[in-house]
Amino acid sequence: MHDIKLNNETINNVYKNAHIALQSISNVLPEVTDQKMRDELNLQYDGYDKFIGKLSSFMRDNNIEAKDVNVMKKAMLFTSVKMNTLTDDSTSHIADMMIKGTVMGITELRQLISRGQDKISGEIIDYAKELLSLEESFEERLKTYL
């Protein structure tokens, strides 16, 4: 039996995870001068954006209200990026920052998946696994910039 509340919380956590990634990329892009890194981040942005579009349709079709990342979290992300790039805006430093954020997202997704295998609908687990796979591929791509 699937727990409706847990399903909604899980899908919203997946949604927020992808949104935080989009927000982070948006915050860091103005600081990036290396064209290859800009292209990589734009490619990743598009990947997250397409995933969010697909996930949003699923949520809408299933009457699940999407809960956005709160304003304080967005402000903290913005401030963190600006502070971290103030003294070092090198491509390798930006890659390192993005990898750390991606690994946090990967860790959260792995926890969601392992905790919810029996209690969460398979479709929601599949969305979490899809985002996990996307983030793992982005992490590998970012490593080449270190």
N, C-alpha and C. Protein backbone atom coordinates (compact mmCIF):
# COMPACT_ATOMS: atom_id res chain seq x y z
N MET A 1 0.85 -1.20 0.00
CA MET A 1 0.00 0.00 0.00
C MET A 1 0.88 1.25 0.00
N HIS A 2 0.59 2.15 -0.88
CA HIS A 2 1.38 3.37 -0.98
C HIS A 2 0.77 4.47 -0.11
N ASP A 3 1.63 5.15 0.60
CA ASP A 3 1.25 6.23 1.49
C ASP A 3 1.14 7.51 0.67
N ILE A 4 -0.07 8.07 0.55
CA ILE A 4 -0.31 9.24 -0.30
C ILE A 4 0.52 10.43 0.17
N LYS A 5 0.56 10.67 1.49
CA LYS A 5 1.33 11.80 2.02
C LYS A 5 2.82 11.63 1.69
N LEU A 6 3.33 10.43 1.88
CA LEU A 6 4.74 10.15 1.59
C LEU A 6 5.02 10.28 0.08
N ASN A 7 4.08 9.83 -0.75
CA ASN A 7 4.21 10.02 -2.20
C ASN A 7 4.34 11.49 -2.55
N ASN A 8 3.46 12.31 -1.98
CA ASN A 8 3.47 13.75 -2.27
C ASN A 8 4.76 14.40 -1.77
N GLU A 9 5.19 14.03 -0.58
CA GLU A 9 6.43 14.59 -0.05
C GLU A 9 7.63 14.19 -0.91
N THR A 10 7.65 12.94 -1.31
CA THR A 10 8.77 12.45 -2.12
C THR A 10 8.84 13.13 -3.47
N ILE A 11 7.71 13.20 -4.15
CA ILE A 11 7.72 13.82 -5.48
C ILE A 11 8.08 15.30 -5.37
N ASN A 12 7.65 15.95 -4.29
CA ASN A 12 8.02 17.35 -4.09
C ASN A 12 9.51 17.49 -3.78
N ASN A 13 10.08 16.53 -3.07
CA ASN A 13 11.52 16.58 -2.81
C ASN A 13 12.31 16.39 -4.12
N VAL A 14 11.83 15.53 -4.99
CA VAL A 14 12.48 15.35 -6.30
C VAL A 14 12.36 16.65 -7.10
N TYR A 15 11.18 17.24 -7.07
CA TYR A 15 10.92 18.50 -7.77
C TYR A 15 11.84 19.61 -7.25
N LYS A 16 11.94 19.72 -5.94
CA LYS A 16 12.81 20.76 -5.34
C LYS A 16 14.27 20.51 -5.66
N ASN A 17 14.68 19.26 -5.66
CA ASN A 17 16.06 18.90 -5.98
C ASN A 17 16.43 19.43 -7.36
N ALA A 18 15.57 19.19 -8.34
CA ALA A 18 15.83 19.66 -9.70
C ALA A 18 15.78 21.19 -9.77
N HIS A 19 14.88 21.79 -9.02
CA HIS A 19 14.78 23.27 -9.02
C HIS A 19 16.01 23.91 -8.39
N ILE A 20 16.53 23.32 -7.34
CA ILE A 20 17.74 23.85 -6.72
C ILE A 20 18.90 23.79 -7.71
N ALA A 21 18.97 22.72 -8.47
CA ALA A 21 20.01 22.60 -9.49
C ALA A 21 19.87 23.71 -10.53
N LEU A 22 18.65 23.95 -11.00
CA LEU A 22 18.41 25.04 -11.96
C LEU A 22 18.82 26.38 -11.38
N GLN A 23 18.42 26.63 -10.14
CA GLN A 23 18.73 27.89 -9.48
C GLN A 23 20.24 28.05 -9.33
N SER A 24 20.92 26.99 -8.96
CA SER A 24 22.37 27.05 -8.79
C SER A 24 23.07 27.38 -10.10
N ILE A 25 22.63 26.73 -11.18
CA ILE A 25 23.22 27.01 -12.49
C ILE A 25 22.95 28.46 -12.88
N SER A 26 21.74 28.93 -12.67
CA SER A 26 21.41 30.34 -12.98
C SER A 26 22.28 31.31 -12.19
N ASN A 27 22.55 30.97 -10.93
CA ASN A 27 23.36 31.84 -10.09
C ASN A 27 24.82 31.86 -10.51
N VAL A 28 25.34 30.73 -10.95
CA VAL A 28 26.76 30.64 -11.25
C VAL A 28 27.10 31.07 -12.69
N LEU A 29 26.18 30.94 -13.61
CA LEU A 29 26.47 31.27 -15.02
C LEU A 29 27.07 32.66 -15.23
N PRO A 30 26.57 33.70 -14.57
CA PRO A 30 27.16 35.03 -14.79
C PRO A 30 28.65 35.11 -14.38
N GLU A 31 29.09 34.20 -13.56
CA GLU A 31 30.48 34.21 -13.08
C GLU A 31 31.41 33.40 -13.98
N VAL A 32 30.86 32.65 -14.92
CA VAL A 32 31.65 31.74 -15.74
C VAL A 32 32.15 32.45 -16.99
N THR A 33 33.46 32.42 -17.17
CA THR A 33 34.07 33.06 -18.35
C THR A 33 34.50 32.04 -19.40
N ASP A 34 34.76 30.81 -18.99
CA ASP A 34 35.20 29.76 -19.91
C ASP A 34 34.01 29.29 -20.75
N GLN A 35 34.12 29.40 -22.07
CA GLN A 35 32.99 29.09 -22.95
C GLN A 35 32.59 27.62 -22.89
N LYS A 36 33.56 26.71 -22.77
CA LYS A 36 33.21 25.29 -22.68
C LYS A 36 32.41 25.00 -21.41
N MET A 37 32.80 25.64 -20.31
CA MET A 37 32.06 25.46 -19.05
C MET A 37 30.67 26.08 -19.17
N ARG A 38 30.56 27.24 -19.81
CA ARG A 38 29.25 27.86 -20.03
C ARG A 38 28.35 26.93 -20.83
N ASP A 39 28.92 26.33 -21.89
CA ASP A 39 28.15 25.41 -22.72
C ASP A 39 27.70 24.20 -21.91
N GLU A 40 28.60 23.68 -21.08
CA GLU A 40 28.27 22.52 -20.23
C GLU A 40 27.13 22.87 -19.27
N LEU A 41 27.24 24.01 -18.62
CA LEU A 41 26.20 24.41 -17.66
C LEU A 41 24.87 24.67 -18.35
N ASN A 42 24.91 25.24 -19.56
CA ASN A 42 23.68 25.44 -20.31
C ASN A 42 23.05 24.11 -20.71
N LEU A 43 23.88 23.13 -21.08
CA LEU A 43 23.39 21.80 -21.40
C LEU A 43 22.73 21.17 -20.16
N GLN A 44 23.37 21.32 -19.01
CA GLN A 44 22.81 20.78 -17.78
C GLN A 44 21.50 21.50 -17.42
N TYR A 45 21.49 22.81 -17.59
CA TYR A 45 20.28 23.58 -17.32
C TYR A 45 19.12 23.03 -18.16
N ASP A 46 19.39 22.81 -19.44
CA ASP A 46 18.35 22.29 -20.33
C ASP A 46 17.87 20.91 -19.87
N GLY A 47 18.81 20.07 -19.41
CA GLY A 47 18.44 18.75 -18.93
C GLY A 47 17.52 18.81 -17.72
N TYR A 48 17.88 19.66 -16.76
CA TYR A 48 17.03 19.82 -15.57
C TYR A 48 15.68 20.44 -15.95
N ASP A 49 15.70 21.41 -16.85
CA ASP A 49 14.48 22.09 -17.26
C ASP A 49 13.51 21.12 -17.93
N LYS A 50 14.02 20.26 -18.81
CA LYS A 50 13.16 19.26 -19.46
C LYS A 50 12.61 18.27 -18.44
N PHE A 51 13.45 17.86 -17.50
CA PHE A 51 13.00 16.94 -16.46
C PHE A 51 11.89 17.58 -15.65
N ILE A 52 12.07 18.84 -15.25
CA ILE A 52 11.05 19.54 -14.46
C ILE A 52 9.75 19.66 -15.23
N GLY A 53 9.83 19.92 -16.52
CA GLY A 53 8.62 20.00 -17.34
C GLY A 53 7.86 18.69 -17.34
N LYS A 54 8.57 17.59 -17.49
CA LYS A 54 7.96 16.26 -17.48
C LYS A 54 7.37 15.95 -16.11
N LEU A 55 8.14 16.25 -15.07
CA LEU A 55 7.69 15.99 -13.70
C LEU A 55 6.47 16.87 -13.35
N SER A 56 6.50 18.10 -13.78
CA SER A 56 5.37 19.01 -13.52
C SER A 56 4.09 18.50 -14.17
N SER A 57 4.20 17.96 -15.38
CA SER A 57 3.02 17.40 -16.05
C SER A 57 2.47 16.22 -15.26
N PHE A 58 3.36 15.35 -14.79
CA PHE A 58 2.94 14.21 -13.97
C PHE A 58 2.23 14.70 -12.71
N MET A 59 2.81 15.70 -12.06
CA MET A 59 2.22 16.21 -10.82
C MET A 59 0.84 16.82 -11.10
N ARG A 60 0.75 17.59 -12.16
CA ARG A 60 -0.52 18.22 -12.52
C ARG A 60 -1.58 17.15 -12.83
N ASP A 61 -1.18 16.13 -13.60
CA ASP A 61 -2.11 15.05 -13.96
C ASP A 61 -2.58 14.25 -12.75
N ASN A 62 -1.79 14.25 -11.69
CA ASN A 62 -2.12 13.49 -10.48
C ASN A 62 -2.55 14.37 -9.32
N ASN A 63 -2.89 15.62 -9.64
CA ASN A 63 -3.37 16.57 -8.65
C ASN A 63 -2.43 16.71 -7.44
N ILE A 64 -1.15 16.76 -7.73
CA ILE A 64 -0.16 16.95 -6.68
C ILE A 64 0.35 18.39 -6.80
N GLU A 65 0.17 19.13 -5.73
CA GLU A 65 0.60 20.52 -5.73
C GLU A 65 2.12 20.61 -5.61
N ALA A 66 2.74 21.31 -6.56
CA ALA A 66 4.20 21.49 -6.54
C ALA A 66 4.55 22.58 -5.53
N LYS A 67 5.47 22.25 -4.64
CA LYS A 67 5.93 23.22 -3.65
C LYS A 67 7.30 23.71 -4.06
N ASP A 68 7.40 25.00 -4.30
CA ASP A 68 8.65 25.60 -4.77
C ASP A 68 9.67 25.69 -3.64
N VAL A 69 10.91 25.86 -4.01
CA VAL A 69 11.99 26.08 -3.04
C VAL A 69 11.71 27.42 -2.37
N ASN A 70 11.85 27.47 -1.03
CA ASN A 70 11.51 28.71 -0.35
C ASN A 70 12.51 29.83 -0.65
N VAL A 71 12.07 31.04 -0.48
CA VAL A 71 12.84 32.23 -0.83
C VAL A 71 14.16 32.30 -0.05
N MET A 72 14.14 31.91 1.21
CA MET A 72 15.38 31.94 2.01
C MET A 72 16.43 31.01 1.42
N LYS A 73 16.03 29.83 1.02
CA LYS A 73 16.96 28.86 0.44
C LYS A 73 17.54 29.42 -0.85
N LYS A 74 16.70 30.04 -1.67
CA LYS A 74 17.18 30.64 -2.92
C LYS A 74 18.17 31.76 -2.63
N ALA A 75 17.88 32.58 -1.63
CA ALA A 75 18.78 33.68 -1.26
C ALA A 75 20.11 33.14 -0.74
N MET A 76 20.05 32.07 0.04
CA MET A 76 21.27 31.47 0.57
C MET A 76 22.11 30.89 -0.57
N LEU A 77 21.47 30.26 -1.55
CA LEU A 77 22.19 29.72 -2.71
C LEU A 77 22.90 30.84 -3.47
N PHE A 78 22.17 31.92 -3.72
CA PHE A 78 22.71 33.05 -4.46
C PHE A 78 23.92 33.64 -3.72
N THR A 79 23.76 33.87 -2.44
CA THR A 79 24.83 34.44 -1.62
C THR A 79 26.04 33.52 -1.59
N SER A 80 25.80 32.24 -1.45
CA SER A 80 26.89 31.27 -1.41
C SER A 80 27.69 31.29 -2.71
N VAL A 81 27.02 31.32 -3.83
CA VAL A 81 27.71 31.35 -5.13
C VAL A 81 28.53 32.63 -5.25
N LYS A 82 27.94 33.76 -4.90
CA LYS A 82 28.65 35.04 -5.03
C LYS A 82 29.87 35.07 -4.12
N MET A 83 29.73 34.59 -2.89
CA MET A 83 30.86 34.58 -1.96
C MET A 83 31.96 33.62 -2.43
N ASN A 84 31.57 32.46 -2.92
CA ASN A 84 32.53 31.45 -3.36
C ASN A 84 33.27 31.83 -4.63
N THR A 85 32.67 32.67 -5.45
CA THR A 85 33.34 33.06 -6.69
C THR A 85 34.02 34.43 -6.57
N LEU A 86 33.83 35.09 -5.46
CA LEU A 86 34.44 36.41 -5.26
C LEU A 86 35.96 36.33 -5.30
N THR A 87 36.52 35.34 -4.63
CA THR A 87 37.98 35.22 -4.58
C THR A 87 38.54 34.24 -5.60
N ASP A 88 37.70 33.36 -6.13
CA ASP A 88 38.17 32.38 -7.11
C ASP A 88 37.04 32.05 -8.08
N ASP A 89 37.14 32.61 -9.28
CA ASP A 89 36.12 32.31 -10.29
C ASP A 89 36.69 31.44 -11.40
N SER A 90 37.73 30.67 -11.06
CA SER A 90 38.35 29.79 -12.05
C SER A 90 37.38 28.67 -12.43
N THR A 91 37.58 28.13 -13.60
CA THR A 91 36.73 27.06 -14.09
C THR A 91 36.77 25.85 -13.15
N SER A 92 37.97 25.51 -12.67
CA SER A 92 38.06 24.34 -11.78
C SER A 92 37.34 24.57 -10.46
N HIS A 93 37.39 25.79 -9.94
CA HIS A 93 36.68 26.09 -8.69
C HIS A 93 35.17 26.03 -8.90
N ILE A 94 34.70 26.57 -10.01
CA ILE A 94 33.27 26.53 -10.31
C ILE A 94 32.82 25.08 -10.51
N ALA A 95 33.64 24.28 -11.20
CA ALA A 95 33.31 22.86 -11.38
C ALA A 95 33.23 22.17 -10.02
N ASP A 96 34.18 22.47 -9.14
CA ASP A 96 34.18 21.88 -7.80
C ASP A 96 32.91 22.26 -7.04
N MET A 97 32.52 23.52 -7.10
CA MET A 97 31.29 23.96 -6.43
C MET A 97 30.07 23.22 -6.97
N MET A 98 30.00 23.11 -8.30
CA MET A 98 28.85 22.47 -8.92
C MET A 98 28.83 20.97 -8.61
N ILE A 99 30.00 20.35 -8.56
CA ILE A 99 30.07 18.93 -8.21
C ILE A 99 29.57 18.71 -6.79
N LYS A 100 29.99 19.57 -5.87
CA LYS A 100 29.54 19.43 -4.48
C LYS A 100 28.02 19.54 -4.37
N GLY A 101 27.44 20.48 -5.08
CA GLY A 101 25.99 20.62 -5.08
C GLY A 101 25.30 19.42 -5.71
N THR A 102 25.87 18.92 -6.80
CA THR A 102 25.31 17.77 -7.48
C THR A 102 25.37 16.53 -6.59
N VAL A 103 26.49 16.36 -5.88
CA VAL A 103 26.64 15.21 -4.98
C VAL A 103 25.61 15.29 -3.84
N MET A 104 25.34 16.49 -3.35
CA MET A 104 24.30 16.63 -2.32
C MET A 104 22.95 16.18 -2.88
N GLY A 105 22.65 16.57 -4.12
CA GLY A 105 21.40 16.15 -4.75
C GLY A 105 21.35 14.64 -4.95
N ILE A 106 22.46 14.05 -5.37
CA ILE A 106 22.55 12.60 -5.57
C ILE A 106 22.30 11.88 -4.25
N THR A 107 22.94 12.36 -3.19
CA THR A 107 22.79 11.73 -1.87
C THR A 107 21.33 11.78 -1.42
N GLU A 108 20.70 12.93 -1.57
CA GLU A 108 19.30 13.07 -1.18
C GLU A 108 18.41 12.11 -1.97
N LEU A 109 18.65 12.01 -3.27
CA LEU A 109 17.84 11.12 -4.10
C LEU A 109 18.03 9.66 -3.71
N ARG A 110 19.27 9.27 -3.44
CA ARG A 110 19.53 7.88 -3.03
C ARG A 110 18.80 7.57 -1.73
N GLN A 111 18.78 8.52 -0.81
CA GLN A 111 18.07 8.32 0.46
C GLN A 111 16.56 8.19 0.22
N LEU A 112 16.01 9.06 -0.62
CA LEU A 112 14.58 9.00 -0.93
C LEU A 112 14.21 7.64 -1.53
N ILE A 113 15.04 7.19 -2.45
CA ILE A 113 14.76 5.92 -3.14
C ILE A 113 14.85 4.75 -2.16
N SER A 114 15.89 4.70 -1.36
CA SER A 114 16.07 3.56 -0.46
C SER A 114 15.03 3.54 0.66
N ARG A 115 14.64 4.70 1.14
CA ARG A 115 13.64 4.77 2.22
C ARG A 115 12.26 4.42 1.72
N GLY A 116 11.98 4.72 0.47
CA GLY A 116 10.61 4.62 0.01
C GLY A 116 10.27 3.46 -0.89
N GLN A 117 11.17 2.55 -1.10
CA GLN A 117 10.94 1.46 -2.05
C GLN A 117 9.59 0.77 -1.87
N ASP A 118 9.19 0.50 -0.64
CA ASP A 118 7.95 -0.24 -0.41
C ASP A 118 6.74 0.65 -0.16
N LYS A 119 6.98 1.92 0.14
CA LYS A 119 5.88 2.79 0.55
C LYS A 119 5.48 3.81 -0.52
N ILE A 120 6.34 3.98 -1.52
CA ILE A 120 6.11 5.01 -2.54
C ILE A 120 5.80 4.34 -3.87
N SER A 121 4.93 4.97 -4.64
CA SER A 121 4.54 4.38 -5.92
C SER A 121 5.76 4.22 -6.83
N GLY A 122 5.72 3.18 -7.63
CA GLY A 122 6.81 2.88 -8.55
C GLY A 122 7.07 4.01 -9.52
N GLU A 123 6.03 4.71 -9.93
CA GLU A 123 6.18 5.82 -10.87
C GLU A 123 6.99 6.95 -10.25
N ILE A 124 6.75 7.24 -8.99
CA ILE A 124 7.49 8.30 -8.30
C ILE A 124 8.94 7.87 -8.09
N ILE A 125 9.15 6.61 -7.73
CA ILE A 125 10.51 6.09 -7.60
C ILE A 125 11.23 6.21 -8.94
N ASP A 126 10.53 5.94 -10.03
CA ASP A 126 11.13 6.04 -11.37
C ASP A 126 11.57 7.47 -11.68
N TYR A 127 10.77 8.46 -11.27
CA TYR A 127 11.18 9.86 -11.47
C TYR A 127 12.43 10.17 -10.65
N ALA A 128 12.47 9.68 -9.42
CA ALA A 128 13.65 9.90 -8.58
C ALA A 128 14.87 9.24 -9.21
N LYS A 129 14.71 8.04 -9.74
CA LYS A 129 15.82 7.34 -10.38
C LYS A 129 16.26 8.05 -11.66
N GLU A 130 15.31 8.60 -12.39
CA GLU A 130 15.65 9.33 -13.61
C GLU A 130 16.49 10.57 -13.29
N LEU A 131 16.07 11.31 -12.26
CA LEU A 131 16.84 12.49 -11.86
C LEU A 131 18.20 12.07 -11.32
N LEU A 132 18.24 10.99 -10.57
CA LEU A 132 19.50 10.47 -10.04
C LEU A 132 20.47 10.16 -11.19
N SER A 133 20.00 9.51 -12.19
CA SER A 133 20.83 9.16 -13.34
C SER A 133 21.33 10.43 -14.05
N LEU A 134 20.45 11.40 -14.20
CA LEU A 134 20.81 12.67 -14.83
C LEU A 134 21.91 13.36 -14.03
N GLU A 135 21.73 13.42 -12.72
CA GLU A 135 22.72 14.10 -11.87
C GLU A 135 24.05 13.35 -11.85
N GLU A 136 24.00 12.03 -11.84
CA GLU A 136 25.25 11.27 -11.87
C GLU A 136 26.01 11.52 -13.17
N SER A 137 25.29 11.62 -14.28
CA SER A 137 25.97 11.90 -15.55
C SER A 137 26.55 13.31 -15.55
N PHE A 138 25.84 14.27 -14.95
CA PHE A 138 26.35 15.63 -14.88
C PHE A 138 27.58 15.72 -13.98
N GLU A 139 27.58 14.96 -12.89
CA GLU A 139 28.74 14.94 -12.00
C GLU A 139 29.97 14.47 -12.77
N GLU A 140 29.82 13.39 -13.52
CA GLU A 140 30.95 12.85 -14.29
C GLU A 140 31.45 13.88 -15.31
N ARG A 141 30.55 14.56 -15.95
CA ARG A 141 30.93 15.56 -16.96
C ARG A 141 31.67 16.73 -16.30
N LEU A 142 31.21 17.12 -15.12
CA LEU A 142 31.85 18.25 -14.42
C LEU A 142 33.27 17.91 -13.96
N LYS A 143 33.52 16.65 -13.67
CA LYS A 143 34.85 16.24 -13.21
C LYS A 143 35.94 16.56 -14.22
N THR A 144 35.57 16.61 -15.49
CA THR A 144 36.58 16.89 -16.52
C THR A 144 37.08 18.34 -16.45
N TYR A 145 36.39 19.18 -15.70
CA TYR A 145 36.79 20.59 -15.57
C TYR A 145 37.64 20.87 -14.34
N LEU A 146 37.90 19.85 -13.54
CA LEU A 146 38.71 20.04 -12.32
C LEU A 146 40.18 20.27 -12.63
